[in-house]
Structure formats: C-alpha cells, structure tokens
Amino acid sequence: MSMKESYEQKLQAQLDEWGAQIDKLKAKADGAEADIQLEYYKQIEELRSMQKSATDKLSELKDAGDNAWEDLKAGIDNAWDSLGNAVKSAASKFK
C-alpha cells in the first residue's frame, strides 16, 4: 500500500467516525427542549457543511496523481483539524 493510499484510508476512517459522532449529536438534539433544539440544529448544520467540505477534499486527494497529492496534504490537514475541533466543541456543548 502506498503512502497516499494509507493516508486516504486514515482520513476516511476519521471522517466516518466524525459522521457517527455528528449523528449522535443529532439524536441528542432531537430529544432536546425546543428552545435548545434550534441552537443544536444550527451547530449540526455547520458540522455537516464542514463534513461535506472534508469529503470533497478527500475526493480531490483520491483523484490526484501520486506526485500531486503531497501538494493537497496541507489543505486537507487544515480541513480535518477544523472539523475535528468543531465536532469536539459541539460534543462538549451538547452534554
């Protein structure tokens, strides 16, 4: 397995984990009181948008050639860090 393939698998696994966490947050939001629900839904919408952006970046990586993927790595790492921090932040607020 190449470094690129290994990196792709790592990113996909992390993206899947965050997707599951966002789904859990959505379930908590569904059970929240109405006044809090709106705030939760807004945060979930932002997370889903960030998740979509990260998924798009992963698709770009998969389409990139073996030499070009290194150029995309910094932008992808930034997107992953942003999404990871946002998921953690939202999870702490939903408790």
PDB file of N, CA and C in Angstrom:
ATOM      1  N   MET A   1       0.853  -1.178   0.000  1.00  0.00           N
ATOM      2  CA  MET A   1       0.000   0.000   0.000  1.00  0.00           C
ATOM      3  C   MET A   1       0.900   1.242   0.000  1.00  0.00           C
ATOM      4  N   SER A   2       0.570   2.174  -0.857  1.00  0.00           N
ATOM      5  CA  SER A   2       1.369   3.393  -0.957  1.00  0.00           C
ATOM      6  C   SER A   2       1.050   4.329   0.210  1.00  0.00           C
ATOM      7  N   MET A   3       1.907   5.322   0.400  1.00  0.00           N
ATOM      8  CA  MET A   3       1.663   6.314   1.454  1.00  0.00           C
ATOM      9  C   MET A   3       0.359   7.054   1.189  1.00  0.00           C
ATOM     10  N   LYS A   4       0.088   7.334  -0.078  1.00  0.00           N
ATOM     11  CA  LYS A   4      -1.148   8.041  -0.444  1.00  0.00           C
ATOM     12  C   LYS A   4      -2.361   7.206  -0.054  1.00  0.00           C
ATOM     13  N   GLU A   5      -2.352   5.935  -0.389  1.00  0.00           N
ATOM     14  CA  GLU A   5      -3.484   5.055  -0.063  1.00  0.00           C
ATOM     15  C   GLU A   5      -3.668   4.935   1.447  1.00  0.00           C
ATOM     16  N   SER A   6      -2.572   4.829   2.158  1.00  0.00           N
ATOM     17  CA  SER A   6      -2.624   4.740   3.612  1.00  0.00           C
ATOM     18  C   SER A   6      -3.218   6.022   4.208  1.00  0.00           C
ATOM     19  N   TYR A   7      -2.797   7.147   3.678  1.00  0.00           N
ATOM     20  CA  TYR A   7      -3.306   8.450   4.122  1.00  0.00           C
ATOM     21  C   TYR A   7      -4.798   8.565   3.826  1.00  0.00           C
ATOM     22  N   GLU A   8      -5.210   8.146   2.637  1.00  0.00           N
ATOM     23  CA  GLU A   8      -6.628   8.174   2.268  1.00  0.00           C
ATOM     24  C   GLU A   8      -7.459   7.329   3.231  1.00  0.00           C
ATOM     25  N   GLN A   9      -6.973   6.139   3.554  1.00  0.00           N
ATOM     26  CA  GLN A   9      -7.714   5.256   4.453  1.00  0.00           C
ATOM     27  C   GLN A   9      -7.832   5.860   5.850  1.00  0.00           C
ATOM     28  N   LYS A  10      -6.746   6.475   6.305  1.00  0.00           N
ATOM     29  CA  LYS A  10      -6.758   7.128   7.615  1.00  0.00           C
ATOM     30  C   LYS A  10      -7.797   8.250   7.634  1.00  0.00           C
ATOM     31  N   LEU A  11      -7.811   9.072   6.596  1.00  0.00           N
ATOM     32  CA  LEU A  11      -8.752  10.185   6.518  1.00  0.00           C
ATOM     33  C   LEU A  11     -10.191   9.686   6.442  1.00  0.00           C
ATOM     34  N   GLN A  12     -10.426   8.650   5.646  1.00  0.00           N
ATOM     35  CA  GLN A  12     -11.776   8.109   5.501  1.00  0.00           C
ATOM     36  C   GLN A  12     -12.277   7.550   6.821  1.00  0.00           C
ATOM     37  N   ALA A  13     -11.414   6.852   7.553  1.00  0.00           N
ATOM     38  CA  ALA A  13     -11.807   6.296   8.848  1.00  0.00           C
ATOM     39  C   ALA A  13     -12.173   7.414   9.825  1.00  0.00           C
ATOM     40  N   GLN A  14     -11.378   8.475   9.831  1.00  0.00           N
ATOM     41  CA  GLN A  14     -11.657   9.604  10.719  1.00  0.00           C
ATOM     42  C   GLN A  14     -12.957  10.296  10.320  1.00  0.00           C
ATOM     43  N   LEU A  15     -13.162  10.455   9.027  1.00  0.00           N
ATOM     44  CA  LEU A  15     -14.385  11.080   8.531  1.00  0.00           C
ATOM     45  C   LEU A  15     -15.616  10.249   8.912  1.00  0.00           C
ATOM     46  N   ASP A  16     -15.504   8.929   8.812  1.00  0.00           N
ATOM     47  CA  ASP A  16     -16.600   8.042   9.200  1.00  0.00           C
ATOM     48  C   ASP A  16     -16.902   8.163  10.696  1.00  0.00           C
ATOM     49  N   GLU A  17     -15.838   8.245  11.502  1.00  0.00           N
ATOM     50  CA  GLU A  17     -16.012   8.378  12.954  1.00  0.00           C
ATOM     51  C   GLU A  17     -16.719   9.690  13.290  1.00  0.00           C
ATOM     52  N   TRP A  18     -16.286  10.781  12.650  1.00  0.00           N
ATOM     53  CA  TRP A  18     -16.928  12.071  12.897  1.00  0.00           C
ATOM     54  C   TRP A  18     -18.376  12.060  12.438  1.00  0.00           C
ATOM     55  N   GLY A  19     -18.649  11.391  11.323  1.00  0.00           N
ATOM     56  CA  GLY A  19     -20.025  11.281  10.849  1.00  0.00           C
ATOM     57  C   GLY A  19     -20.912  10.603  11.882  1.00  0.00           C
ATOM     58  N   ALA A  20     -20.385   9.557  12.513  1.00  0.00           N
ATOM     59  CA  ALA A  20     -21.139   8.856  13.555  1.00  0.00           C
ATOM     60  C   ALA A  20     -21.351   9.763  14.767  1.00  0.00           C
ATOM     61  N   GLN A  21     -20.336  10.544  15.117  1.00  0.00           N
ATOM     62  CA  GLN A  21     -20.473  11.470  16.247  1.00  0.00           C
ATOM     63  C   GLN A  21     -21.513  12.553  15.947  1.00  0.00           C
ATOM     64  N   ILE A  22     -21.510  13.048  14.722  1.00  0.00           N
ATOM     65  CA  ILE A  22     -22.498  14.057  14.333  1.00  0.00           C
ATOM     66  C   ILE A  22     -23.906  13.457  14.386  1.00  0.00           C
ATOM     67  N   ASP A  23     -24.043  12.199  13.957  1.00  0.00           N
ATOM     68  CA  ASP A  23     -25.342  11.528  14.032  1.00  0.00           C
ATOM     69  C   ASP A  23     -25.816  11.413  15.485  1.00  0.00           C
ATOM     70  N   LYS A  24     -24.882  11.131  16.408  1.00  0.00           N
ATOM     71  CA  LYS A  24     -25.231  11.046  17.822  1.00  0.00           C
ATOM     72  C   LYS A  24     -25.678  12.415  18.349  1.00  0.00           C
ATOM     73  N   LEU A  25     -24.972  13.454  17.916  1.00  0.00           N
ATOM     74  CA  LEU A  25     -25.355  14.804  18.333  1.00  0.00           C
ATOM     75  C   LEU A  25     -26.748  15.155  17.814  1.00  0.00           C
ATOM     76  N   LYS A  26     -27.046  14.725  16.598  1.00  0.00           N
ATOM     77  CA  LYS A  26     -28.368  14.964  16.006  1.00  0.00           C
ATOM     78  C   LYS A  26     -29.446  14.266  16.837  1.00  0.00           C
ATOM     79  N   ALA A  27     -29.144  13.050  17.289  1.00  0.00           N
ATOM     80  CA  ALA A  27     -30.107  12.311  18.110  1.00  0.00           C
ATOM     81  C   ALA A  27     -30.330  13.033  19.436  1.00  0.00           C
ATOM     82  N   LYS A  28     -29.260  13.570  20.022  1.00  0.00           N
ATOM     83  CA  LYS A  28     -29.410  14.340  21.260  1.00  0.00           C
ATOM     84  C   LYS A  28     -30.241  15.598  21.002  1.00  0.00           C
ATOM     85  N   ALA A  29     -29.983  16.250  19.887  1.00  0.00           N
ATOM     86  CA  ALA A  29     -30.719  17.473  19.548  1.00  0.00           C
ATOM     87  C   ALA A  29     -32.198  17.172  19.365  1.00  0.00           C
ATOM     88  N   ASP A  30     -32.501  16.045  18.745  1.00  0.00           N
ATOM     89  CA  ASP A  30     -33.894  15.660  18.526  1.00  0.00           C
ATOM     90  C   ASP A  30     -34.646  15.505  19.845  1.00  0.00           C
ATOM     91  N   GLY A  31     -33.917  15.111  20.894  1.00  0.00           N
ATOM     92  CA  GLY A  31     -34.552  14.903  22.191  1.00  0.00           C
ATOM     93  C   GLY A  31     -34.473  16.107  23.114  1.00  0.00           C
ATOM     94  N   ALA A  32     -33.876  17.179  22.659  1.00  0.00           N
ATOM     95  CA  ALA A  32     -33.707  18.366  23.498  1.00  0.00           C
ATOM     96  C   ALA A  32     -34.984  19.200  23.534  1.00  0.00           C
ATOM     97  N   GLU A  33     -35.022  20.103  24.494  1.00  0.00           N
ATOM     98  CA  GLU A  33     -36.148  21.020  24.594  1.00  0.00           C
ATOM     99  C   GLU A  33     -36.145  21.951  23.388  1.00  0.00           C
ATOM    100  N   ALA A  34     -37.311  22.432  23.030  1.00  0.00           N
ATOM    101  CA  ALA A  34     -37.480  23.211  21.798  1.00  0.00           C
ATOM    102  C   ALA A  34     -36.566  24.431  21.716  1.00  0.00           C
ATOM    103  N   ASP A  35     -36.384  25.138  22.826  1.00  0.00           N
ATOM    104  CA  ASP A  35     -35.572  26.352  22.769  1.00  0.00           C
ATOM    105  C   ASP A  35     -34.091  26.043  22.548  1.00  0.00           C
ATOM    106  N   ILE A  36     -33.647  24.906  23.022  1.00  0.00           N
ATOM    107  CA  ILE A  36     -32.254  24.500  22.840  1.00  0.00           C
ATOM    108  C   ILE A  36     -32.069  23.816  21.485  1.00  0.00           C
ATOM    109  N   GLN A  37     -33.105  23.157  21.014  1.00  0.00           N
ATOM    110  CA  GLN A  37     -33.051  22.396  19.770  1.00  0.00           C
ATOM    111  C   GLN A  37     -32.583  23.238  18.595  1.00  0.00           C
ATOM    112  N   LEU A  38     -33.066  24.446  18.482  1.00  0.00           N
ATOM    113  CA  LEU A  38     -32.717  25.314  17.365  1.00  0.00           C
ATOM    114  C   LEU A  38     -31.212  25.589  17.329  1.00  0.00           C
ATOM    115  N   GLU A  39     -30.638  25.860  18.489  1.00  0.00           N
ATOM    116  CA  GLU A  39     -29.195  26.102  18.576  1.00  0.00           C
ATOM    117  C   GLU A  39     -28.416  24.847  18.185  1.00  0.00           C
ATOM    118  N   TYR A  40     -28.860  23.711  18.684  1.00  0.00           N
ATOM    119  CA  TYR A  40     -28.199  22.440  18.349  1.00  0.00           C
ATOM    120  C   TYR A  40     -28.258  22.174  16.847  1.00  0.00           C
ATOM    121  N   TYR A  41     -29.416  22.376  16.254  1.00  0.00           N
ATOM    122  CA  TYR A  41     -29.565  22.130  14.824  1.00  0.00           C
ATOM    123  C   TYR A  41     -28.656  23.041  14.000  1.00  0.00           C
ATOM    124  N   LYS A  42     -28.505  24.271  14.454  1.00  0.00           N
ATOM    125  CA  LYS A  42     -27.616  25.187  13.753  1.00  0.00           C
ATOM    126  C   LYS A  42     -26.180  24.678  13.792  1.00  0.00           C
ATOM    127  N   GLN A  43     -25.741  24.209  14.957  1.00  0.00           N
ATOM    128  CA  GLN A  43     -24.388  23.665  15.079  1.00  0.00           C
ATOM    129  C   GLN A  43     -24.220  22.416  14.221  1.00  0.00           C
ATOM    130  N   ILE A  44     -25.240  21.581  14.200  1.00  0.00           N
ATOM    131  CA  ILE A  44     -25.173  20.354  13.397  1.00  0.00           C
ATOM    132  C   ILE A  44     -25.090  20.695  11.914  1.00  0.00           C
ATOM    133  N   GLU A  45     -25.845  21.702  11.500  1.00  0.00           N
ATOM    134  CA  GLU A  45     -25.796  22.141  10.102  1.00  0.00           C
ATOM    135  C   GLU A  45     -24.380  22.615   9.733  1.00  0.00           C
ATOM    136  N   GLU A  46     -23.753  23.353  10.634  1.00  0.00           N
ATOM    137  CA  GLU A  46     -22.383  23.802  10.389  1.00  0.00           C
ATOM    138  C   GLU A  46     -21.422  22.616  10.306  1.00  0.00           C
ATOM    139  N   LEU A  47     -21.608  21.638  11.193  1.00  0.00           N
ATOM    140  CA  LEU A  47     -20.763  20.443  11.165  1.00  0.00           C
ATOM    141  C   LEU A  47     -20.952  19.668   9.865  1.00  0.00           C
ATOM    142  N   ARG A  48     -22.186  19.536   9.428  1.00  0.00           N
ATOM    143  CA  ARG A  48     -22.461  18.822   8.166  1.00  0.00           C
ATOM    144  C   ARG A  48     -21.815  19.543   6.981  1.00  0.00           C
ATOM    145  N   SER A  49     -21.828  20.870   7.017  1.00  0.00           N
ATOM    146  CA  SER A  49     -21.187  21.644   5.958  1.00  0.00           C
ATOM    147  C   SER A  49     -19.679  21.405   5.954  1.00  0.00           C
ATOM    148  N   MET A  50     -19.094  21.407   7.138  1.00  0.00           N
ATOM    149  CA  MET A  50     -17.654  21.138   7.251  1.00  0.00           C
ATOM    150  C   MET A  50     -17.339  19.707   6.822  1.00  0.00           C
ATOM    151  N   GLN A  51     -18.235  18.784   7.170  1.00  0.00           N
ATOM    152  CA  GLN A  51     -18.058  17.388   6.786  1.00  0.00           C
ATOM    153  C   GLN A  51     -18.095  17.248   5.265  1.00  0.00           C
ATOM    154  N   LYS A  52     -19.011  17.959   4.621  1.00  0.00           N
ATOM    155  CA  LYS A  52     -19.102  17.933   3.153  1.00  0.00           C
ATOM    156  C   LYS A  52     -17.824  18.468   2.529  1.00  0.00           C
ATOM    157  N   SER A  53     -17.312  19.552   3.084  1.00  0.00           N
ATOM    158  CA  SER A  53     -16.068  20.137   2.585  1.00  0.00           C
ATOM    159  C   SER A  53     -14.914  19.147   2.730  1.00  0.00           C
ATOM    160  N   ALA A  54     -14.849  18.474   3.869  1.00  0.00           N
ATOM    161  CA  ALA A  54     -13.792  17.487   4.092  1.00  0.00           C
ATOM    162  C   ALA A  54     -13.931  16.307   3.128  1.00  0.00           C
ATOM    163  N   THR A  55     -15.158  15.893   2.878  1.00  0.00           N
ATOM    164  CA  THR A  55     -15.406  14.803   1.929  1.00  0.00           C
ATOM    165  C   THR A  55     -14.964  15.205   0.523  1.00  0.00           C
ATOM    166  N   ASP A  56     -15.247  16.456   0.149  1.00  0.00           N
ATOM    167  CA  ASP A  56     -14.817  16.958  -1.155  1.00  0.00           C
ATOM    168  C   ASP A  56     -13.291  16.966  -1.266  1.00  0.00           C
ATOM    169  N   LYS A  57     -12.628  17.365  -0.177  1.00  0.00           N
ATOM    170  CA  LYS A  57     -11.156  17.378  -0.171  1.00  0.00           C
ATOM    171  C   LYS A  57     -10.609  15.961  -0.320  1.00  0.00           C
ATOM    172  N   LEU A  58     -11.251  15.011   0.337  1.00  0.00           N
ATOM    173  CA  LEU A  58     -10.816  13.623   0.229  1.00  0.00           C
ATOM    174  C   LEU A  58     -10.992  13.129  -1.208  1.00  0.00           C
ATOM    175  N   SER A  59     -12.069  13.523  -1.856  1.00  0.00           N
ATOM    176  CA  SER A  59     -12.283  13.152  -3.257  1.00  0.00           C
ATOM    177  C   SER A  59     -11.194  13.741  -4.152  1.00  0.00           C
ATOM    178  N   GLU A  60     -10.820  14.997  -3.877  1.00  0.00           N
ATOM    179  CA  GLU A  60      -9.728  15.617  -4.634  1.00  0.00           C
ATOM    180  C   GLU A  60      -8.440  14.824  -4.459  1.00  0.00           C
ATOM    181  N   LEU A  61      -8.200  14.410  -3.235  1.00  0.00           N
ATOM    182  CA  LEU A  61      -6.994  13.631  -2.944  1.00  0.00           C
ATOM    183  C   LEU A  61      -7.004  12.318  -3.710  1.00  0.00           C
ATOM    184  N   LYS A  62      -8.142  11.647  -3.701  1.00  0.00           N
ATOM    185  CA  LYS A  62      -8.239  10.357  -4.388  1.00  0.00           C
ATOM    186  C   LYS A  62      -8.027  10.513  -5.891  1.00  0.00           C
ATOM    187  N   ASP A  63      -8.461  11.658  -6.432  1.00  0.00           N
ATOM    188  CA  ASP A  63      -8.308  11.906  -7.868  1.00  0.00           C
ATOM    189  C   ASP A  63      -6.914  12.397  -8.241  1.00  0.00           C
ATOM    190  N   ALA A  64      -6.171  12.878  -7.250  1.00  0.00           N
ATOM    191  CA  ALA A  64      -4.841  13.434  -7.521  1.00  0.00           C
ATOM    192  C   ALA A  64      -3.855  12.314  -7.864  1.00  0.00           C
ATOM    193  N   GLY A  65      -2.914  12.655  -8.685  1.00  0.00           N
ATOM    194  CA  GLY A  65      -1.873  11.702  -9.038  1.00  0.00           C
ATOM    195  C   GLY A  65      -0.961  11.442  -7.853  1.00  0.00           C
ATOM    196  N   ASP A  66      -0.136  10.411  -7.985  1.00  0.00           N
ATOM    197  CA  ASP A  66       0.757  10.041  -6.895  1.00  0.00           C
ATOM    198  C   ASP A  66       1.724  11.160  -6.521  1.00  0.00           C
ATOM    199  N   ASN A  67       2.076  11.995  -7.464  1.00  0.00           N
ATOM    200  CA  ASN A  67       3.005  13.083  -7.175  1.00  0.00           C
ATOM    201  C   ASN A  67       2.285  14.335  -6.665  1.00  0.00           C
ATOM    202  N   ALA A  68       1.064  14.560  -7.100  1.00  0.00           N
ATOM    203  CA  ALA A  68       0.341  15.789  -6.769  1.00  0.00           C
ATOM    204  C   ALA A  68      -0.312  15.754  -5.395  1.00  0.00           C
ATOM    205  N   TRP A  69      -0.519  14.598  -4.823  1.00  0.00           N
ATOM    206  CA  TRP A  69      -1.260  14.508  -3.573  1.00  0.00           C
ATOM    207  C   TRP A  69      -0.552  15.206  -2.427  1.00  0.00           C
ATOM    208  N   GLU A  70       0.759  15.240  -2.456  1.00  0.00           N
ATOM    209  CA  GLU A  70       1.512  15.919  -1.394  1.00  0.00           C
ATOM    210  C   GLU A  70       1.154  17.407  -1.348  1.00  0.00           C
ATOM    211  N   ASP A  71       0.877  17.989  -2.521  1.00  0.00           N
ATOM    212  CA  ASP A  71       0.511  19.406  -2.579  1.00  0.00           C
ATOM    213  C   ASP A  71      -0.836  19.668  -1.906  1.00  0.00           C
ATOM    214  N   LEU A  72      -1.715  18.691  -1.915  1.00  0.00           N
ATOM    215  CA  LEU A  72      -3.040  18.828  -1.321  1.00  0.00           C
ATOM    216  C   LEU A  72      -3.046  18.557   0.185  1.00  0.00           C
ATOM    217  N   LYS A  73      -2.010  17.905   0.663  1.00  0.00           N
ATOM    218  CA  LYS A  73      -1.973  17.414   2.039  1.00  0.00           C
ATOM    219  C   LYS A  73      -2.170  18.526   3.074  1.00  0.00           C
ATOM    220  N   ALA A  74      -1.521  19.669   2.919  1.00  0.00           N
ATOM    221  CA  ALA A  74      -1.631  20.742   3.910  1.00  0.00           C
ATOM    222  C   ALA A  74      -3.062  21.266   4.017  1.00  0.00           C
ATOM    223  N   GLY A  75      -3.716  21.475   2.882  1.00  0.00           N
ATOM    224  CA  GLY A  75      -5.098  21.940   2.891  1.00  0.00           C
ATOM    225  C   GLY A  75      -6.037  20.914   3.503  1.00  0.00           C
ATOM    226  N   ILE A  76      -5.785  19.662   3.212  1.00  0.00           N
ATOM    227  CA  ILE A  76      -6.615  18.592   3.765  1.00  0.00           C
ATOM    228  C   ILE A  76      -6.417  18.502   5.272  1.00  0.00           C
ATOM    229  N   ASP A  77      -5.162  18.588   5.718  1.00  0.00           N
ATOM    230  CA  ASP A  77      -4.893  18.534   7.155  1.00  0.00           C
ATOM    231  C   ASP A  77      -5.598  19.682   7.884  1.00  0.00           C
ATOM    232  N   ASN A  78      -5.617  20.861   7.278  1.00  0.00           N
ATOM    233  CA  ASN A  78      -6.312  22.004   7.889  1.00  0.00           C
ATOM    234  C   ASN A  78      -7.811  21.751   7.985  1.00  0.00           C
ATOM    235  N   ALA A  79      -8.401  21.207   6.930  1.00  0.00           N
ATOM    236  CA  ALA A  79      -9.834  20.900   6.933  1.00  0.00           C
ATOM    237  C   ALA A  79     -10.156  19.854   8.000  1.00  0.00           C
ATOM    238  N   TRP A  80      -9.296  18.858   8.124  1.00  0.00           N
ATOM    239  CA  TRP A  80      -9.515  17.800   9.111  1.00  0.00           C
ATOM    240  C   TRP A  80      -9.399  18.353  10.527  1.00  0.00           C
ATOM    241  N   ASP A  81      -8.395  19.208  10.759  1.00  0.00           N
ATOM    242  CA  ASP A  81      -8.231  19.812  12.082  1.00  0.00           C
ATOM    243  C   ASP A  81      -9.448  20.664  12.437  1.00  0.00           C
ATOM    244  N   SER A  82      -9.927  21.442  11.487  1.00  0.00           N
ATOM    245  CA  SER A  82     -11.089  22.300  11.736  1.00  0.00           C
ATOM    246  C   SER A  82     -12.328  21.471  12.070  1.00  0.00           C
ATOM    247  N   LEU A  83     -12.568  20.430  11.291  1.00  0.00           N
ATOM    248  CA  LEU A  83     -13.738  19.583  11.536  1.00  0.00           C
ATOM    249  C   LEU A  83     -13.602  18.850  12.863  1.00  0.00           C
ATOM    250  N   GLY A  84     -12.432  18.332  13.136  1.00  0.00           N
ATOM    251  CA  GLY A  84     -12.213  17.622  14.405  1.00  0.00           C
ATOM    252  C   GLY A  84     -12.454  18.516  15.607  1.00  0.00           C
ATOM    253  N   ASN A  85     -11.930  19.727  15.552  1.00  0.00           N
ATOM    254  CA  ASN A  85     -12.123  20.671  16.652  1.00  0.00           C
ATOM    255  C   ASN A  85     -13.588  21.071  16.788  1.00  0.00           C
ATOM    256  N   ALA A  86     -14.273  21.250  15.669  1.00  0.00           N
ATOM    257  CA  ALA A  86     -15.681  21.628  15.697  1.00  0.00           C
ATOM    258  C   ALA A  86     -16.548  20.514  16.287  1.00  0.00           C
ATOM    259  N   VAL A  87     -16.251  19.275  15.928  1.00  0.00           N
ATOM    260  CA  VAL A  87     -17.014  18.137  16.467  1.00  0.00           C
ATOM    261  C   VAL A  87     -16.789  18.040  17.977  1.00  0.00           C
ATOM    262  N   LYS A  88     -15.538  18.188  18.409  1.00  0.00           N
ATOM    263  CA  LYS A  88     -15.254  18.136  19.849  1.00  0.00           C
ATOM    264  C   LYS A  88     -15.968  19.263  20.596  1.00  0.00           C
ATOM    265  N   SER A  89     -15.919  20.444  20.033  1.00  0.00           N
ATOM    266  CA  SER A  89     -16.562  21.596  20.656  1.00  0.00           C
ATOM    267  C   SER A  89     -18.071  21.395  20.775  1.00  0.00           C
ATOM    268  N   ALA A  90     -18.676  20.926  19.692  1.00  0.00           N
ATOM    269  CA  ALA A  90     -20.127  20.699  19.706  1.00  0.00           C
ATOM    270  C   ALA A  90     -20.488  19.595  20.700  1.00  0.00           C
ATOM    271  N   ALA A  91     -19.684  18.535  20.736  1.00  0.00           N
ATOM    272  CA  ALA A  91     -19.975  17.438  21.656  1.00  0.00           C
ATOM    273  C   ALA A  91     -19.926  17.920  23.100  1.00  0.00           C
ATOM    274  N   SER A  92     -18.993  18.798  23.424  1.00  0.00           N
ATOM    275  CA  SER A  92     -18.907  19.307  24.799  1.00  0.00           C
ATOM    276  C   SER A  92     -20.095  20.216  25.133  1.00  0.00           C
ATOM    277  N   LYS A  93     -20.622  20.933  24.141  1.00  0.00           N
ATOM    278  CA  LYS A  93     -21.773  21.796  24.376  1.00  0.00           C
ATOM    279  C   LYS A  93     -23.074  21.000  24.515  1.00  0.00           C
ATOM    280  N   PHE A  94     -23.131  19.831  23.909  1.00  0.00           N
ATOM    281  CA  PHE A  94     -24.353  19.041  23.909  1.00  0.00           C
ATOM    282  C   PHE A  94     -24.527  18.217  25.177  1.00  0.00           C
ATOM    283  N   LYS A  95     -23.548  18.242  26.073  1.00  0.00           N
ATOM    284  CA  LYS A  95     -23.636  17.414  27.284  1.00  0.00           C
ATOM    285  C   LYS A  95     -24.545  17.993  28.319  1.00  0.00           C
TER     286      LYS A  95
END
